[in-house]
N, C-alpha and C. Protein backbone atom coordinates (compact mmCIF):
# COMPACT_ATOMS: atom_id res chain seq x y z
N MET A 1 158.40 195.57 116.34
CA MET A 1 157.66 194.55 115.71
C MET A 1 156.12 194.97 115.71
N ARG A 2 155.70 195.61 116.80
CA ARG A 2 154.29 196.04 116.82
C ARG A 2 154.00 197.09 115.76
N ARG A 3 154.92 197.98 115.61
CA ARG A 3 154.78 198.97 114.48
C ARG A 3 154.68 198.39 113.15
N PHE A 4 155.43 197.34 112.94
CA PHE A 4 155.47 196.60 111.64
C PHE A 4 154.11 196.05 111.41
N ILE A 5 153.45 195.48 112.51
CA ILE A 5 152.12 194.87 112.27
C ILE A 5 151.11 196.01 111.91
N GLU A 6 151.26 197.07 112.61
CA GLU A 6 150.36 198.28 112.15
C GLU A 6 150.54 198.66 110.73
N ILE A 7 151.81 198.68 110.21
CA ILE A 7 152.08 199.04 108.86
C ILE A 7 151.45 197.99 107.86
N MET A 8 151.56 196.76 108.28
CA MET A 8 150.98 195.65 107.48
C MET A 8 149.48 195.77 107.46
N TRP A 9 148.78 196.09 108.53
CA TRP A 9 147.36 196.40 108.48
C TRP A 9 146.98 197.49 107.60
N MET A 10 147.83 198.61 107.69
CA MET A 10 147.55 199.74 106.76
C MET A 10 147.71 199.34 105.36
N ALA A 11 148.74 198.56 104.99
CA ALA A 11 148.97 198.05 103.66
C ALA A 11 147.76 197.20 103.16
N ILE A 12 147.28 196.32 103.95
CA ILE A 12 146.10 195.54 103.66
C ILE A 12 144.92 196.42 103.33
N ALA A 13 144.73 197.45 104.17
CA ALA A 13 143.67 198.45 103.98
C ALA A 13 143.79 199.10 102.67
N ALA A 14 145.04 199.48 102.33
CA ALA A 14 145.34 200.30 101.06
C ALA A 14 145.08 199.45 99.83
N VAL A 15 145.54 198.11 99.91
CA VAL A 15 145.28 197.24 98.79
C VAL A 15 143.76 196.91 98.69
N SER A 16 143.10 196.71 99.73
CA SER A 16 141.64 196.37 99.71
C SER A 16 140.86 197.65 99.14
N LEU A 17 141.36 198.83 99.51
CA LEU A 17 140.66 200.03 98.95
C LEU A 17 140.78 200.08 97.49
N VAL A 18 141.95 199.82 96.92
CA VAL A 18 142.14 199.84 95.47
C VAL A 18 141.27 198.70 94.87
N GLU A 19 141.21 197.53 95.45
CA GLU A 19 140.35 196.48 94.91
C GLU A 19 138.93 196.86 95.01
N LEU A 20 138.52 197.60 96.09
CA LEU A 20 137.19 198.12 96.29
C LEU A 20 136.79 199.06 95.16
N VAL A 21 137.61 199.90 94.74
CA VAL A 21 137.35 200.75 93.62
C VAL A 21 137.28 200.04 92.40
N ILE A 22 138.15 199.15 92.10
CA ILE A 22 138.06 198.26 90.89
C ILE A 22 136.72 197.44 90.82
N GLY A 23 136.37 196.91 91.98
CA GLY A 23 135.09 196.15 92.02
C GLY A 23 133.94 196.98 91.79
N TYR A 24 133.90 198.24 92.29
CA TYR A 24 132.82 199.21 92.06
C TYR A 24 132.72 199.51 90.62
N LYS A 25 133.84 199.79 89.93
CA LYS A 25 133.83 200.15 88.59
C LYS A 25 133.29 199.03 87.69
N GLN A 26 133.65 197.72 88.05
CA GLN A 26 133.22 196.61 87.22
C GLN A 26 131.74 196.20 87.46
N GLU A 27 131.34 196.15 88.83
CA GLU A 27 130.04 195.58 89.04
C GLU A 27 129.08 196.49 89.83
N GLY A 28 129.68 197.57 90.29
CA GLY A 28 128.79 198.46 91.18
C GLY A 28 128.82 197.93 92.60
N PHE A 29 127.83 198.47 93.40
CA PHE A 29 127.76 198.16 94.77
C PHE A 29 127.26 196.75 95.05
N THR A 30 126.64 196.15 94.22
CA THR A 30 126.01 194.87 94.41
C THR A 30 127.01 193.71 94.04
N GLY A 31 128.06 193.99 93.46
CA GLY A 31 129.01 192.96 93.09
C GLY A 31 129.72 192.29 94.25
N GLU A 32 129.96 190.98 94.16
CA GLU A 32 130.60 190.20 95.21
C GLU A 32 131.95 190.75 95.50
N HIS A 33 132.72 191.14 94.45
CA HIS A 33 134.10 191.59 94.56
C HIS A 33 134.10 192.88 95.37
N PHE A 34 133.10 193.77 95.17
CA PHE A 34 133.03 194.98 95.95
C PHE A 34 132.76 194.74 97.38
N GLN A 35 131.76 193.79 97.65
CA GLN A 35 131.36 193.62 98.99
C GLN A 35 132.45 192.87 99.92
N VAL A 36 133.11 191.93 99.22
CA VAL A 36 134.22 191.27 99.97
C VAL A 36 135.31 192.25 100.30
N PHE A 37 135.73 193.05 99.39
CA PHE A 37 136.85 193.96 99.79
C PHE A 37 136.42 195.11 100.61
N ALA A 38 135.11 195.44 100.54
CA ALA A 38 134.57 196.45 101.52
C ALA A 38 134.78 195.90 103.00
N MET A 39 134.37 194.74 103.18
CA MET A 39 134.56 194.00 104.51
C MET A 39 135.96 193.94 104.95
N VAL A 40 136.84 193.57 103.96
CA VAL A 40 138.29 193.49 104.31
C VAL A 40 138.85 194.89 104.64
N PHE A 41 138.36 195.82 103.89
CA PHE A 41 138.85 197.19 104.15
C PHE A 41 138.45 197.70 105.55
N VAL A 42 137.17 197.52 105.90
CA VAL A 42 136.63 197.88 107.17
C VAL A 42 137.39 197.19 108.31
N ALA A 43 137.60 195.90 108.15
CA ALA A 43 138.28 195.04 109.21
C ALA A 43 139.73 195.46 109.35
N SER A 44 140.42 195.66 108.27
CA SER A 44 141.86 196.02 108.38
C SER A 44 142.08 197.42 108.89
N ALA A 45 141.14 198.28 108.53
CA ALA A 45 141.21 199.66 109.11
C ALA A 45 140.99 199.66 110.66
N PHE A 46 139.93 198.88 110.97
CA PHE A 46 139.68 198.75 112.44
C PHE A 46 140.87 198.22 113.23
N MET A 47 141.54 197.08 112.61
CA MET A 47 142.68 196.45 113.23
C MET A 47 143.81 197.41 113.30
N PHE A 48 144.00 198.30 112.26
CA PHE A 48 145.15 199.24 112.35
C PHE A 48 144.96 200.19 113.51
N PHE A 49 143.81 200.83 113.65
CA PHE A 49 143.60 201.79 114.79
C PHE A 49 143.53 201.13 116.03
N PHE A 50 143.02 199.88 116.10
CA PHE A 50 143.03 199.16 117.38
C PHE A 50 144.39 198.86 117.90
N ARG A 51 145.26 198.33 116.97
CA ARG A 51 146.62 197.91 117.31
C ARG A 51 147.39 199.15 117.58
N LYS A 52 147.25 200.18 116.97
CA LYS A 52 147.91 201.51 117.20
C LYS A 52 147.64 201.98 118.67
N ARG A 53 146.37 201.99 118.97
CA ARG A 53 145.93 202.46 120.30
C ARG A 53 146.49 201.50 121.35
N GLN A 54 146.56 200.21 121.08
CA GLN A 54 147.08 199.24 122.09
C GLN A 54 148.51 199.41 122.17
N ARG A 55 149.28 199.65 121.11
CA ARG A 55 150.72 199.88 121.21
C ARG A 55 151.03 201.15 122.09
N LYS A 56 150.31 202.20 121.83
CA LYS A 56 150.51 203.41 122.54
C LYS A 56 150.23 203.24 124.08
N LYS A 57 149.22 202.46 124.41
CA LYS A 57 148.94 202.20 125.79
C LYS A 57 150.15 201.41 126.44
N MET A 58 150.61 200.48 125.63
CA MET A 58 151.73 199.56 126.21
C MET A 58 153.02 200.49 126.35
N GLU A 59 153.23 201.36 125.41
CA GLU A 59 154.45 202.26 125.54
C GLU A 59 154.20 203.18 126.70
N ASP A 60 153.06 203.67 126.90
CA ASP A 60 152.82 204.66 128.08
C ASP A 60 153.09 203.85 129.34
N ARG A 61 152.54 202.63 129.51
CA ARG A 61 152.84 201.86 130.72
C ARG A 61 154.29 201.57 130.96
N LYS A 62 154.96 201.30 129.86
CA LYS A 62 156.38 201.03 129.94
C LYS A 62 157.27 202.26 130.40
N ASN A 63 156.82 203.39 129.86
CA ASN A 63 157.56 204.60 130.15
C ASN A 63 157.15 205.26 131.48
N ASN A 64 155.96 204.99 131.94
CA ASN A 64 155.50 205.60 133.25
C ASN A 64 154.99 204.55 134.14
N PRO A 65 155.93 203.67 134.72
CA PRO A 65 155.44 202.76 135.76
C PRO A 65 155.08 203.45 136.99
N GLU A 66 153.97 202.83 137.47
CA GLU A 66 153.42 203.53 138.67
C GLU A 66 153.59 202.65 139.90
């Protein structure tokens, strides 16, 4: 389940990146469409790497109990 959530965050980042490019082509850097999807992209990319690191730590604890 945790891996599925990571994949979902990655998918959200990919879709927002596509929308980011579309927003840039239409309105440039100052367009609201570009700015919103830039924030969504940054947040989803952060969440992907955060959740991945968190999952790996949990797996390490499970596999190596001290």
